[in-house]
Each structure stands twice: as structure tokens, then as C-alpha cells.
């Protein structure tokens, strides 16, 4: 890790303009390095933007939200997960202004955004949304089948009535 930090530091120094002092840009305190900050709170703290082509976040054994599908398939989940009914979600959102399980604007402003945790929360919500869509599609297909059956029954009844009463047919 030290080699990486020193290589980063060397590259950074080469990119610095002559008017900027190294001591003004980089702080090392308690084995933590800060760029444009005097109080680094992580191994690397940057007060400003970071440009990268790729960022990989190690999950280190974090539980991916596949439990959403386990509950959907009727199997018990390891964390007693239960998907909320839509009417309860609606009430929660109306009362709280954000989805259940998702940090509020205030919490994110206060604590920042943990990419690993937030990515897993968003994946859980996407999986839940997919299951709600599957459920709604099943309901739509059932309603379409019932409507088609009722329409066919109405057509069959009209045809039967016309066969019984030919005068009614000619009047139409």
C-alpha cells in the first residue's frame, strides 16, 4: 500500500503547478493521506473531484440482495426479508419522502454516501421493482383473459338470443 501511495504522490507532484506548495496540498496524519484537506479521515481523503476510468468496490462478503428473489419463490430468507405491499410503500413514501430502506436526503448530507452499501440498497430496490412488475403483468394477463371470456360469453348470448328470436335479429 505504501508503494502505491508513494507512486501516487510522485505522479501528483509531477502534475502540480509551480505556484502550489506540496505542504498546502498534501497532509499525512495517522497513516492517512489527505489531498486539499488538513484532516484526512480515511486512508485517502480528497477534497475535490476524482477522475477515473473505472472504480471497483470490493464487497468483502456483503450479502447481495438475492434474498428478494428467495422470498418471491416462497423459500425462507436468512434475514427474514419480506417485500412491503405497494399500499404500505405508498404510505411510507408520503410520510417520509423516500423509499423504505433508502437513506433520506438529510442522512446522506450528514453521513455521505457509502458506494458499496448504497449500490446494494439500489439493487435491492431494482429487484423489488422487477417483482412488482412481474406481479402486475400477471394481474393484467388475468384481467385480459377474464375480459376476453366475458366478451365471448356476451357474443355467444347475443347469438343464442338471435337464433331464438329471428325478428329481433332483423330489427337490428
N, C-alpha and C. Protein backbone atom coordinates (compact mmCIF):
# COMPACT_ATOMS: atom_id res chain seq x y z
N UNK A 1 0.82 -1.18 0.00
CA UNK A 1 0.00 0.00 0.00
C UNK A 1 0.87 1.25 0.00
N UNK A 2 1.99 1.19 0.77
CA UNK A 2 2.87 2.36 0.84
C UNK A 2 3.45 2.67 -0.53
N UNK A 3 3.80 1.61 -1.30
CA UNK A 3 4.36 1.82 -2.64
C UNK A 3 3.35 2.53 -3.54
N UNK A 4 2.11 2.12 -3.42
CA UNK A 4 1.06 2.74 -4.24
C UNK A 4 0.89 4.21 -3.86
N UNK A 5 0.87 4.48 -2.57
CA UNK A 5 0.73 5.87 -2.13
C UNK A 5 1.90 6.72 -2.58
N UNK A 6 3.14 6.19 -2.48
CA UNK A 6 4.30 6.95 -2.91
C UNK A 6 4.29 7.17 -4.43
N UNK A 7 3.87 6.14 -5.20
CA UNK A 7 3.77 6.30 -6.65
C UNK A 7 2.72 7.36 -6.98
N UNK A 8 1.59 7.31 -6.29
CA UNK A 8 0.54 8.30 -6.49
C UNK A 8 1.06 9.69 -6.16
N UNK A 9 1.78 9.78 -5.05
CA UNK A 9 2.34 11.05 -4.61
C UNK A 9 3.32 11.60 -5.65
N UNK A 10 4.18 10.73 -6.20
CA UNK A 10 5.15 11.16 -7.20
C UNK A 10 4.43 11.66 -8.46
N UNK A 11 3.41 10.93 -8.90
CA UNK A 11 2.64 11.37 -10.07
C UNK A 11 1.94 12.69 -9.80
N UNK A 12 1.40 12.82 -8.62
CA UNK A 12 0.69 14.03 -8.25
C UNK A 12 1.63 15.23 -8.22
N UNK A 13 2.81 15.01 -7.67
CA UNK A 13 3.79 16.09 -7.60
C UNK A 13 4.19 16.57 -8.99
N UNK A 14 4.34 15.64 -9.90
CA UNK A 14 4.70 16.00 -11.27
C UNK A 14 3.62 16.82 -11.94
N UNK A 15 2.38 16.62 -11.53
CA UNK A 15 1.26 17.33 -12.15
C UNK A 15 0.99 18.68 -11.49
N UNK A 16 1.56 18.92 -10.32
CA UNK A 16 1.29 20.17 -9.61
C UNK A 16 1.98 21.33 -10.31
N UNK A 17 1.32 22.46 -10.30
CA UNK A 17 1.93 23.66 -10.87
C UNK A 17 2.96 24.20 -9.89
N UNK A 18 3.86 25.02 -10.38
CA UNK A 18 4.94 25.54 -9.54
C UNK A 18 4.43 26.47 -8.46
N UNK A 19 3.26 27.06 -8.64
CA UNK A 19 2.76 28.01 -7.65
C UNK A 19 2.16 27.31 -6.43
N UNK A 20 1.88 26.00 -6.55
CA UNK A 20 1.28 25.29 -5.44
C UNK A 20 2.36 24.58 -4.63
N UNK A 21 2.29 24.70 -3.35
CA UNK A 21 3.26 24.06 -2.47
C UNK A 21 2.74 22.69 -2.06
N UNK A 22 3.66 21.73 -1.99
CA UNK A 22 3.30 20.38 -1.59
C UNK A 22 2.66 20.38 -0.21
N UNK A 23 3.17 21.17 0.69
CA UNK A 23 2.63 21.19 2.05
C UNK A 23 1.22 21.78 2.09
N UNK A 24 0.85 22.57 1.10
CA UNK A 24 -0.50 23.11 1.06
C UNK A 24 -1.49 22.10 0.49
N UNK A 25 -1.00 21.15 -0.31
CA UNK A 25 -1.90 20.21 -0.98
C UNK A 25 -2.05 18.87 -0.27
N UNK A 26 -0.97 18.36 0.33
CA UNK A 26 -1.00 17.00 0.88
C UNK A 26 -0.74 17.03 2.37
N UNK A 27 -1.58 16.29 3.09
CA UNK A 27 -1.43 16.13 4.53
C UNK A 27 -1.35 14.65 4.83
N UNK A 28 -0.39 14.26 5.64
CA UNK A 28 -0.32 12.87 6.10
C UNK A 28 -0.41 12.90 7.62
N UNK A 29 -1.45 12.22 8.14
CA UNK A 29 -1.71 12.24 9.58
C UNK A 29 -2.26 10.88 9.98
N UNK A 30 -1.66 10.25 10.98
CA UNK A 30 -2.13 8.95 11.48
C UNK A 30 -2.27 7.91 10.37
N UNK A 31 -1.28 7.81 9.52
CA UNK A 31 -1.25 6.88 8.39
C UNK A 31 -2.40 7.11 7.41
N UNK A 32 -2.89 8.33 7.37
CA UNK A 32 -3.93 8.71 6.43
C UNK A 32 -3.42 9.88 5.61
N UNK A 33 -3.70 9.86 4.30
CA UNK A 33 -3.23 10.92 3.43
C UNK A 33 -4.41 11.75 2.95
N UNK A 34 -4.25 13.05 2.99
CA UNK A 34 -5.29 13.94 2.53
C UNK A 34 -4.76 14.83 1.42
N UNK A 35 -5.57 15.04 0.42
CA UNK A 35 -5.24 15.96 -0.66
C UNK A 35 -6.22 17.11 -0.57
N UNK A 36 -5.71 18.31 -0.43
CA UNK A 36 -6.51 19.54 -0.29
C UNK A 36 -7.38 19.51 0.95
N UNK A 37 -6.93 18.77 1.98
CA UNK A 37 -7.62 18.76 3.26
C UNK A 37 -6.57 18.60 4.36
N UNK A 38 -6.81 19.22 5.48
CA UNK A 38 -5.88 19.11 6.61
C UNK A 38 -6.27 17.98 7.56
N UNK A 39 -7.47 17.42 7.40
CA UNK A 39 -7.97 16.39 8.32
C UNK A 39 -8.46 15.16 7.56
N UNK A 40 -7.53 14.33 7.03
CA UNK A 40 -7.98 13.12 6.34
C UNK A 40 -8.62 12.15 7.33
N UNK A 41 -9.79 11.60 6.95
CA UNK A 41 -10.48 10.68 7.85
C UNK A 41 -10.47 9.24 7.33
N UNK A 42 -9.87 9.02 6.17
CA UNK A 42 -9.72 7.69 5.60
C UNK A 42 -8.27 7.55 5.12
N UNK A 43 -7.90 6.37 4.64
CA UNK A 43 -6.52 6.20 4.14
C UNK A 43 -6.19 7.23 3.07
N UNK A 44 -7.18 7.56 2.25
CA UNK A 44 -7.02 8.62 1.25
C UNK A 44 -8.28 9.47 1.27
N UNK A 45 -8.12 10.73 1.60
CA UNK A 45 -9.23 11.68 1.62
C UNK A 45 -8.91 12.78 0.62
N UNK A 46 -9.83 13.03 -0.30
CA UNK A 46 -9.62 14.04 -1.32
C UNK A 46 -10.73 15.07 -1.21
N UNK A 47 -10.34 16.32 -1.06
CA UNK A 47 -11.32 17.40 -1.03
C UNK A 47 -11.38 17.98 -2.44
N UNK A 48 -12.18 17.36 -3.26
CA UNK A 48 -12.31 17.74 -4.66
C UNK A 48 -12.67 16.53 -5.49
N UNK A 49 -12.75 16.71 -6.78
CA UNK A 49 -13.14 15.64 -7.67
C UNK A 49 -12.03 14.64 -7.91
N UNK A 50 -12.43 13.43 -8.27
CA UNK A 50 -11.50 12.37 -8.64
C UNK A 50 -11.94 11.89 -10.02
N UNK A 51 -11.02 11.84 -10.94
CA UNK A 51 -11.32 11.39 -12.30
C UNK A 51 -10.72 10.00 -12.46
N UNK A 52 -11.55 9.05 -12.86
CA UNK A 52 -11.07 7.68 -13.05
C UNK A 52 -11.83 7.05 -14.20
N UNK A 53 -11.19 6.10 -14.86
CA UNK A 53 -11.88 5.35 -15.91
C UNK A 53 -12.70 4.21 -15.33
N UNK A 54 -12.33 3.77 -14.15
CA UNK A 54 -13.03 2.64 -13.55
C UNK A 54 -12.85 2.69 -12.04
N UNK A 55 -13.88 2.30 -11.32
CA UNK A 55 -13.80 2.18 -9.87
C UNK A 55 -14.37 0.82 -9.51
N UNK A 56 -13.61 0.05 -8.76
CA UNK A 56 -14.07 -1.25 -8.30
C UNK A 56 -14.20 -1.19 -6.79
N UNK A 57 -15.37 -1.55 -6.30
CA UNK A 57 -15.61 -1.56 -4.87
C UNK A 57 -15.70 -3.02 -4.43
N UNK A 58 -14.80 -3.43 -3.55
CA UNK A 58 -14.84 -4.80 -3.03
C UNK A 58 -16.01 -4.94 -2.08
N UNK A 59 -16.76 -6.02 -2.24
CA UNK A 59 -17.92 -6.23 -1.37
C UNK A 59 -17.54 -6.94 -0.08
N UNK A 60 -16.39 -7.60 -0.05
CA UNK A 60 -15.89 -8.26 1.16
C UNK A 60 -16.97 -9.05 1.88
N UNK A 61 -17.63 -9.94 1.18
CA UNK A 61 -18.63 -10.81 1.80
C UNK A 61 -19.98 -10.17 2.03
N UNK A 62 -20.20 -8.96 1.53
CA UNK A 62 -21.51 -8.33 1.71
C UNK A 62 -22.58 -9.18 1.04
N UNK A 63 -23.73 -9.23 1.66
CA UNK A 63 -24.84 -10.02 1.16
C UNK A 63 -25.51 -9.30 0.00
N UNK A 64 -25.39 -9.86 -1.20
CA UNK A 64 -26.11 -9.29 -2.35
C UNK A 64 -27.60 -9.54 -2.12
N UNK A 65 -28.46 -8.65 -2.60
CA UNK A 65 -29.89 -8.75 -2.27
C UNK A 65 -30.65 -9.82 -3.06
N UNK A 66 -30.02 -10.95 -3.33
CA UNK A 66 -30.74 -12.05 -3.98
C UNK A 66 -31.84 -12.61 -3.09
N UNK A 67 -31.79 -12.29 -1.80
CA UNK A 67 -32.83 -12.74 -0.87
C UNK A 67 -34.20 -12.23 -1.32
N UNK A 68 -34.24 -11.15 -2.10
CA UNK A 68 -35.52 -10.63 -2.61
C UNK A 68 -36.20 -11.71 -3.44
N UNK A 69 -35.42 -12.43 -4.26
CA UNK A 69 -35.99 -13.47 -5.11
C UNK A 69 -36.27 -14.74 -4.32
N UNK A 70 -35.49 -14.99 -3.29
CA UNK A 70 -35.75 -16.16 -2.45
C UNK A 70 -37.12 -16.05 -1.81
N UNK A 71 -37.44 -14.86 -1.29
CA UNK A 71 -38.75 -14.63 -0.68
C UNK A 71 -39.84 -14.77 -1.74
N UNK A 72 -39.57 -14.30 -2.94
CA UNK A 72 -40.55 -14.38 -4.03
C UNK A 72 -40.85 -15.84 -4.39
N UNK A 73 -39.83 -16.68 -4.30
CA UNK A 73 -40.00 -18.09 -4.63
C UNK A 73 -40.58 -18.89 -3.47
N UNK A 74 -40.92 -18.24 -2.37
CA UNK A 74 -41.57 -18.90 -1.26
C UNK A 74 -40.62 -19.59 -0.31
N UNK A 75 -39.33 -19.41 -0.47
CA UNK A 75 -38.36 -20.03 0.42
C UNK A 75 -38.02 -19.04 1.54
N UNK A 76 -37.69 -19.56 2.72
CA UNK A 76 -37.33 -18.64 3.80
C UNK A 76 -36.03 -17.92 3.50
N UNK A 77 -35.89 -16.72 4.01
CA UNK A 77 -34.66 -15.95 3.80
C UNK A 77 -33.84 -15.93 5.08
N UNK A 78 -32.55 -15.70 4.92
CA UNK A 78 -31.66 -15.69 6.08
C UNK A 78 -31.88 -14.46 6.94
N UNK A 79 -32.39 -13.40 6.39
CA UNK A 79 -32.57 -12.17 7.16
C UNK A 79 -34.04 -11.80 7.35
N UNK A 80 -34.93 -12.79 7.24
CA UNK A 80 -36.38 -12.57 7.43
C UNK A 80 -36.93 -11.45 6.55
N UNK A 81 -36.43 -11.35 5.35
CA UNK A 81 -36.86 -10.31 4.41
C UNK A 81 -38.31 -10.55 4.00
N UNK A 82 -39.07 -9.49 3.94
CA UNK A 82 -40.43 -9.51 3.40
C UNK A 82 -40.62 -8.25 2.58
N UNK A 83 -41.10 -8.43 1.36
CA UNK A 83 -41.36 -7.28 0.49
C UNK A 83 -42.64 -6.59 0.98
N UNK A 84 -42.59 -5.27 1.06
CA UNK A 84 -43.74 -4.49 1.52
C UNK A 84 -44.82 -4.47 0.46
N UNK A 85 -46.08 -4.55 0.85
CA UNK A 85 -47.16 -4.33 -0.12
C UNK A 85 -47.11 -2.89 -0.64
N UNK A 86 -47.55 -2.70 -1.87
CA UNK A 86 -47.47 -1.37 -2.50
C UNK A 86 -48.22 -0.29 -1.73
N UNK A 87 -49.35 -0.64 -1.12
CA UNK A 87 -50.08 0.39 -0.37
C UNK A 87 -49.29 0.86 0.85
N UNK A 88 -48.53 -0.04 1.48
CA UNK A 88 -47.67 0.36 2.60
C UNK A 88 -46.50 1.21 2.12
N UNK A 89 -45.94 0.86 0.96
CA UNK A 89 -44.85 1.67 0.40
C UNK A 89 -45.36 3.07 0.08
N UNK A 90 -46.55 3.15 -0.50
CA UNK A 90 -47.14 4.45 -0.83
C UNK A 90 -47.28 5.30 0.43
N UNK A 91 -47.81 4.72 1.49
CA UNK A 91 -47.98 5.46 2.75
C UNK A 91 -46.62 5.87 3.32
N UNK A 92 -45.64 4.99 3.27
CA UNK A 92 -44.31 5.30 3.79
C UNK A 92 -43.70 6.48 3.03
N UNK A 93 -43.78 6.43 1.71
CA UNK A 93 -43.22 7.50 0.88
C UNK A 93 -43.93 8.82 1.15
N UNK A 94 -45.26 8.78 1.29
CA UNK A 94 -46.00 10.01 1.58
C UNK A 94 -45.60 10.60 2.93
N UNK A 95 -45.32 9.73 3.91
CA UNK A 95 -44.96 10.21 5.25
C UNK A 95 -43.49 10.60 5.38
N UNK A 96 -42.61 9.91 4.65
CA UNK A 96 -41.17 10.08 4.87
C UNK A 96 -40.42 10.74 3.71
N UNK A 97 -41.02 10.77 2.54
CA UNK A 97 -40.38 11.41 1.39
C UNK A 97 -39.24 10.63 0.77
N UNK A 98 -39.13 9.34 1.08
CA UNK A 98 -38.12 8.47 0.46
C UNK A 98 -38.56 7.02 0.64
N UNK A 99 -37.94 6.13 -0.13
CA UNK A 99 -38.30 4.71 -0.05
C UNK A 99 -37.83 4.10 1.26
N UNK A 100 -38.56 3.09 1.75
CA UNK A 100 -38.10 2.40 2.95
C UNK A 100 -36.75 1.73 2.69
N UNK A 101 -35.86 1.83 3.64
CA UNK A 101 -34.54 1.21 3.49
C UNK A 101 -33.53 2.06 2.76
N UNK A 102 -33.97 3.18 2.18
CA UNK A 102 -33.07 4.08 1.46
C UNK A 102 -32.82 5.29 2.36
N UNK A 103 -31.55 5.65 2.54
CA UNK A 103 -31.27 6.80 3.40
C UNK A 103 -31.92 8.08 2.87
N UNK A 104 -32.38 8.90 3.78
CA UNK A 104 -33.01 10.17 3.41
C UNK A 104 -31.95 11.17 2.95
N UNK A 105 -32.41 12.24 2.35
CA UNK A 105 -31.53 13.33 1.92
C UNK A 105 -30.71 13.86 3.09
N UNK A 106 -31.35 14.03 4.22
CA UNK A 106 -30.66 14.55 5.40
C UNK A 106 -29.56 13.61 5.87
N UNK A 107 -29.85 12.31 5.89
CA UNK A 107 -28.85 11.32 6.32
C UNK A 107 -27.67 11.30 5.34
N UNK A 108 -27.97 11.36 4.05
CA UNK A 108 -26.88 11.37 3.05
C UNK A 108 -26.04 12.62 3.18
N UNK A 109 -26.67 13.77 3.41
CA UNK A 109 -25.91 15.01 3.60
C UNK A 109 -25.02 14.94 4.84
N UNK A 110 -25.55 14.35 5.90
CA UNK A 110 -24.82 14.28 7.16
C UNK A 110 -23.68 13.25 7.11
N UNK A 111 -23.96 12.07 6.55
CA UNK A 111 -23.01 10.96 6.63
C UNK A 111 -22.27 10.68 5.33
N UNK A 112 -22.66 11.31 4.24
CA UNK A 112 -22.07 10.99 2.95
C UNK A 112 -22.71 9.74 2.35
N UNK A 113 -22.13 9.27 1.26
CA UNK A 113 -22.69 8.15 0.53
C UNK A 113 -21.67 7.02 0.49
N UNK A 114 -21.99 5.91 1.12
CA UNK A 114 -21.16 4.71 1.07
C UNK A 114 -21.53 3.96 -0.21
N UNK A 115 -20.65 4.00 -1.20
CA UNK A 115 -20.98 3.41 -2.51
C UNK A 115 -21.36 1.95 -2.43
N UNK A 116 -20.65 1.17 -1.62
CA UNK A 116 -20.95 -0.26 -1.51
C UNK A 116 -22.36 -0.46 -0.95
N UNK A 117 -22.64 0.15 0.19
CA UNK A 117 -23.94 -0.03 0.83
C UNK A 117 -25.07 0.52 -0.05
N UNK A 118 -24.85 1.70 -0.63
CA UNK A 118 -25.90 2.32 -1.43
C UNK A 118 -26.17 1.53 -2.71
N UNK A 119 -25.12 1.00 -3.32
CA UNK A 119 -25.30 0.17 -4.52
C UNK A 119 -26.13 -1.07 -4.21
N UNK A 120 -25.88 -1.67 -3.06
CA UNK A 120 -26.65 -2.86 -2.67
C UNK A 120 -28.10 -2.50 -2.37
N UNK A 121 -28.33 -1.34 -1.75
CA UNK A 121 -29.70 -0.88 -1.49
C UNK A 121 -30.43 -0.66 -2.82
N UNK A 122 -29.77 0.01 -3.76
CA UNK A 122 -30.40 0.27 -5.06
C UNK A 122 -30.69 -1.03 -5.80
N UNK A 123 -29.77 -2.00 -5.72
CA UNK A 123 -30.01 -3.30 -6.36
C UNK A 123 -31.21 -3.99 -5.73
N UNK A 124 -31.33 -3.90 -4.40
CA UNK A 124 -32.50 -4.48 -3.73
C UNK A 124 -33.78 -3.84 -4.25
N UNK A 125 -33.79 -2.51 -4.39
CA UNK A 125 -34.99 -1.81 -4.86
C UNK A 125 -35.30 -2.16 -6.31
N UNK A 126 -34.27 -2.32 -7.14
CA UNK A 126 -34.49 -2.72 -8.54
C UNK A 126 -35.09 -4.12 -8.59
N UNK A 127 -34.58 -5.02 -7.76
CA UNK A 127 -35.11 -6.38 -7.73
C UNK A 127 -36.55 -6.39 -7.24
N UNK A 128 -36.84 -5.59 -6.21
CA UNK A 128 -38.23 -5.48 -5.73
C UNK A 128 -39.14 -4.94 -6.83
N UNK A 129 -38.68 -3.90 -7.50
CA UNK A 129 -39.46 -3.30 -8.58
C UNK A 129 -39.74 -4.32 -9.68
N UNK A 130 -38.75 -5.13 -10.01
CA UNK A 130 -38.93 -6.19 -11.02
C UNK A 130 -40.02 -7.16 -10.57
N UNK A 131 -40.01 -7.52 -9.31
CA UNK A 131 -41.03 -8.45 -8.81
C UNK A 131 -42.42 -7.82 -8.81
N UNK A 132 -42.50 -6.52 -8.48
CA UNK A 132 -43.80 -5.83 -8.56
C UNK A 132 -44.30 -5.82 -10.01
N UNK A 133 -43.39 -5.60 -10.96
CA UNK A 133 -43.78 -5.60 -12.38
C UNK A 133 -44.26 -6.98 -12.82
N UNK A 134 -43.56 -8.03 -12.39
CA UNK A 134 -43.98 -9.40 -12.72
C UNK A 134 -45.37 -9.66 -12.16
N UNK A 135 -45.60 -9.24 -10.92
CA UNK A 135 -46.90 -9.41 -10.28
C UNK A 135 -47.99 -8.65 -11.03
N UNK A 136 -47.70 -7.41 -11.41
CA UNK A 136 -48.69 -6.62 -12.14
C UNK A 136 -48.95 -7.20 -13.52
N UNK A 137 -47.92 -7.71 -14.18
CA UNK A 137 -48.11 -8.32 -15.50
C UNK A 137 -49.03 -9.53 -15.39
N UNK A 138 -48.86 -10.32 -14.34
CA UNK A 138 -49.74 -11.47 -14.12
C UNK A 138 -51.18 -11.01 -13.92
N UNK A 139 -51.36 -9.93 -13.15
CA UNK A 139 -52.71 -9.40 -12.93
C UNK A 139 -53.31 -8.89 -14.23
N UNK A 140 -52.52 -8.22 -15.04
CA UNK A 140 -53.00 -7.71 -16.34
C UNK A 140 -53.44 -8.87 -17.22
N UNK A 141 -52.62 -9.92 -17.29
CA UNK A 141 -52.96 -11.07 -18.13
C UNK A 141 -54.22 -11.76 -17.63
N UNK A 142 -54.40 -11.86 -16.32
CA UNK A 142 -55.62 -12.46 -15.76
C UNK A 142 -56.84 -11.62 -16.11
N UNK A 143 -56.71 -10.30 -15.97
CA UNK A 143 -57.83 -9.41 -16.30
C UNK A 143 -58.16 -9.47 -17.80
N UNK A 144 -57.13 -9.53 -18.64
CA UNK A 144 -57.37 -9.63 -20.09
C UNK A 144 -58.09 -10.93 -20.42
N UNK A 145 -57.68 -12.02 -19.79
CA UNK A 145 -58.33 -13.32 -20.04
C UNK A 145 -59.78 -13.28 -19.57
N UNK A 146 -60.02 -12.69 -18.41
CA UNK A 146 -61.39 -12.59 -17.90
C UNK A 146 -62.25 -11.71 -18.81
N UNK A 147 -61.67 -10.59 -19.27
CA UNK A 147 -62.40 -9.70 -20.17
C UNK A 147 -62.72 -10.42 -21.49
N UNK A 148 -61.76 -11.14 -22.00
CA UNK A 148 -61.99 -11.89 -23.25
C UNK A 148 -63.07 -12.94 -23.06
N UNK A 149 -63.03 -13.63 -21.91
CA UNK A 149 -64.04 -14.65 -21.63
C UNK A 149 -65.41 -14.00 -21.50
N UNK A 150 -65.51 -12.87 -20.81
CA UNK A 150 -66.80 -12.18 -20.66
C UNK A 150 -67.30 -11.66 -22.00
N UNK A 151 -66.39 -11.16 -22.84
CA UNK A 151 -66.77 -10.69 -24.17
C UNK A 151 -67.29 -11.85 -25.01
N UNK A 152 -66.61 -12.98 -24.96
CA UNK A 152 -67.06 -14.16 -25.70
C UNK A 152 -68.40 -14.65 -25.20
N UNK A 153 -68.60 -14.60 -23.88
CA UNK A 153 -69.90 -15.01 -23.33
C UNK A 153 -71.01 -14.08 -23.81
N UNK A 154 -70.73 -12.77 -23.86
CA UNK A 154 -71.73 -11.80 -24.31
C UNK A 154 -72.06 -12.02 -25.78
N UNK A 155 -71.05 -12.31 -26.61
CA UNK A 155 -71.27 -12.56 -28.04
C UNK A 155 -72.07 -13.84 -28.20
N UNK A 156 -71.73 -14.89 -27.45
CA UNK A 156 -72.45 -16.16 -27.54
C UNK A 156 -73.91 -15.98 -27.11
N UNK A 157 -74.16 -15.18 -26.07
CA UNK A 157 -75.51 -14.95 -25.59
C UNK A 157 -76.32 -14.20 -26.65
N UNK A 158 -75.70 -13.19 -27.26
CA UNK A 158 -76.38 -12.41 -28.30
C UNK A 158 -76.73 -13.31 -29.48
N UNK A 159 -75.80 -14.16 -29.87
CA UNK A 159 -76.04 -15.08 -30.99
C UNK A 159 -77.16 -16.05 -30.64
N UNK A 160 -77.15 -16.57 -29.42
CA UNK A 160 -78.20 -17.51 -29.00
C UNK A 160 -79.56 -16.81 -28.96
N UNK A 161 -79.60 -15.56 -28.47
CA UNK A 161 -80.85 -14.80 -28.44
C UNK A 161 -81.37 -14.57 -29.84
N UNK A 162 -80.48 -14.27 -30.78
CA UNK A 162 -80.90 -14.01 -32.15
C UNK A 162 -81.43 -15.28 -32.82
N UNK A 163 -80.87 -16.41 -32.46
CA UNK A 163 -81.35 -17.67 -33.05
C UNK A 163 -82.73 -18.02 -32.50
N UNK A 164 -82.98 -17.68 -31.24
CA UNK A 164 -84.27 -17.96 -30.63
C UNK A 164 -85.34 -17.00 -31.14
N UNK A 165 -84.98 -15.76 -31.42
CA UNK A 165 -85.93 -14.73 -31.82
C UNK A 165 -85.44 -14.08 -33.10
N UNK A 166 -85.75 -14.67 -34.28
CA UNK A 166 -85.28 -14.14 -35.54
C UNK A 166 -85.79 -12.72 -35.83
N UNK A 167 -86.95 -12.33 -35.29
CA UNK A 167 -87.44 -10.98 -35.52
C UNK A 167 -86.53 -9.93 -34.90
N UNK A 168 -85.97 -10.25 -33.72
CA UNK A 168 -85.07 -9.33 -33.05
C UNK A 168 -83.84 -9.09 -33.92
N UNK A 169 -83.39 -10.15 -34.63
CA UNK A 169 -82.22 -10.03 -35.50
C UNK A 169 -82.50 -9.09 -36.65
N UNK A 170 -83.68 -9.20 -37.24
CA UNK A 170 -84.00 -8.38 -38.40
C UNK A 170 -84.21 -6.90 -37.99
N UNK A 171 -84.63 -6.68 -36.75
CA UNK A 171 -84.85 -5.32 -36.29
C UNK A 171 -83.52 -4.57 -36.11
N UNK A 172 -82.47 -5.29 -35.79
CA UNK A 172 -81.16 -4.68 -35.57
C UNK A 172 -80.58 -4.35 -36.91
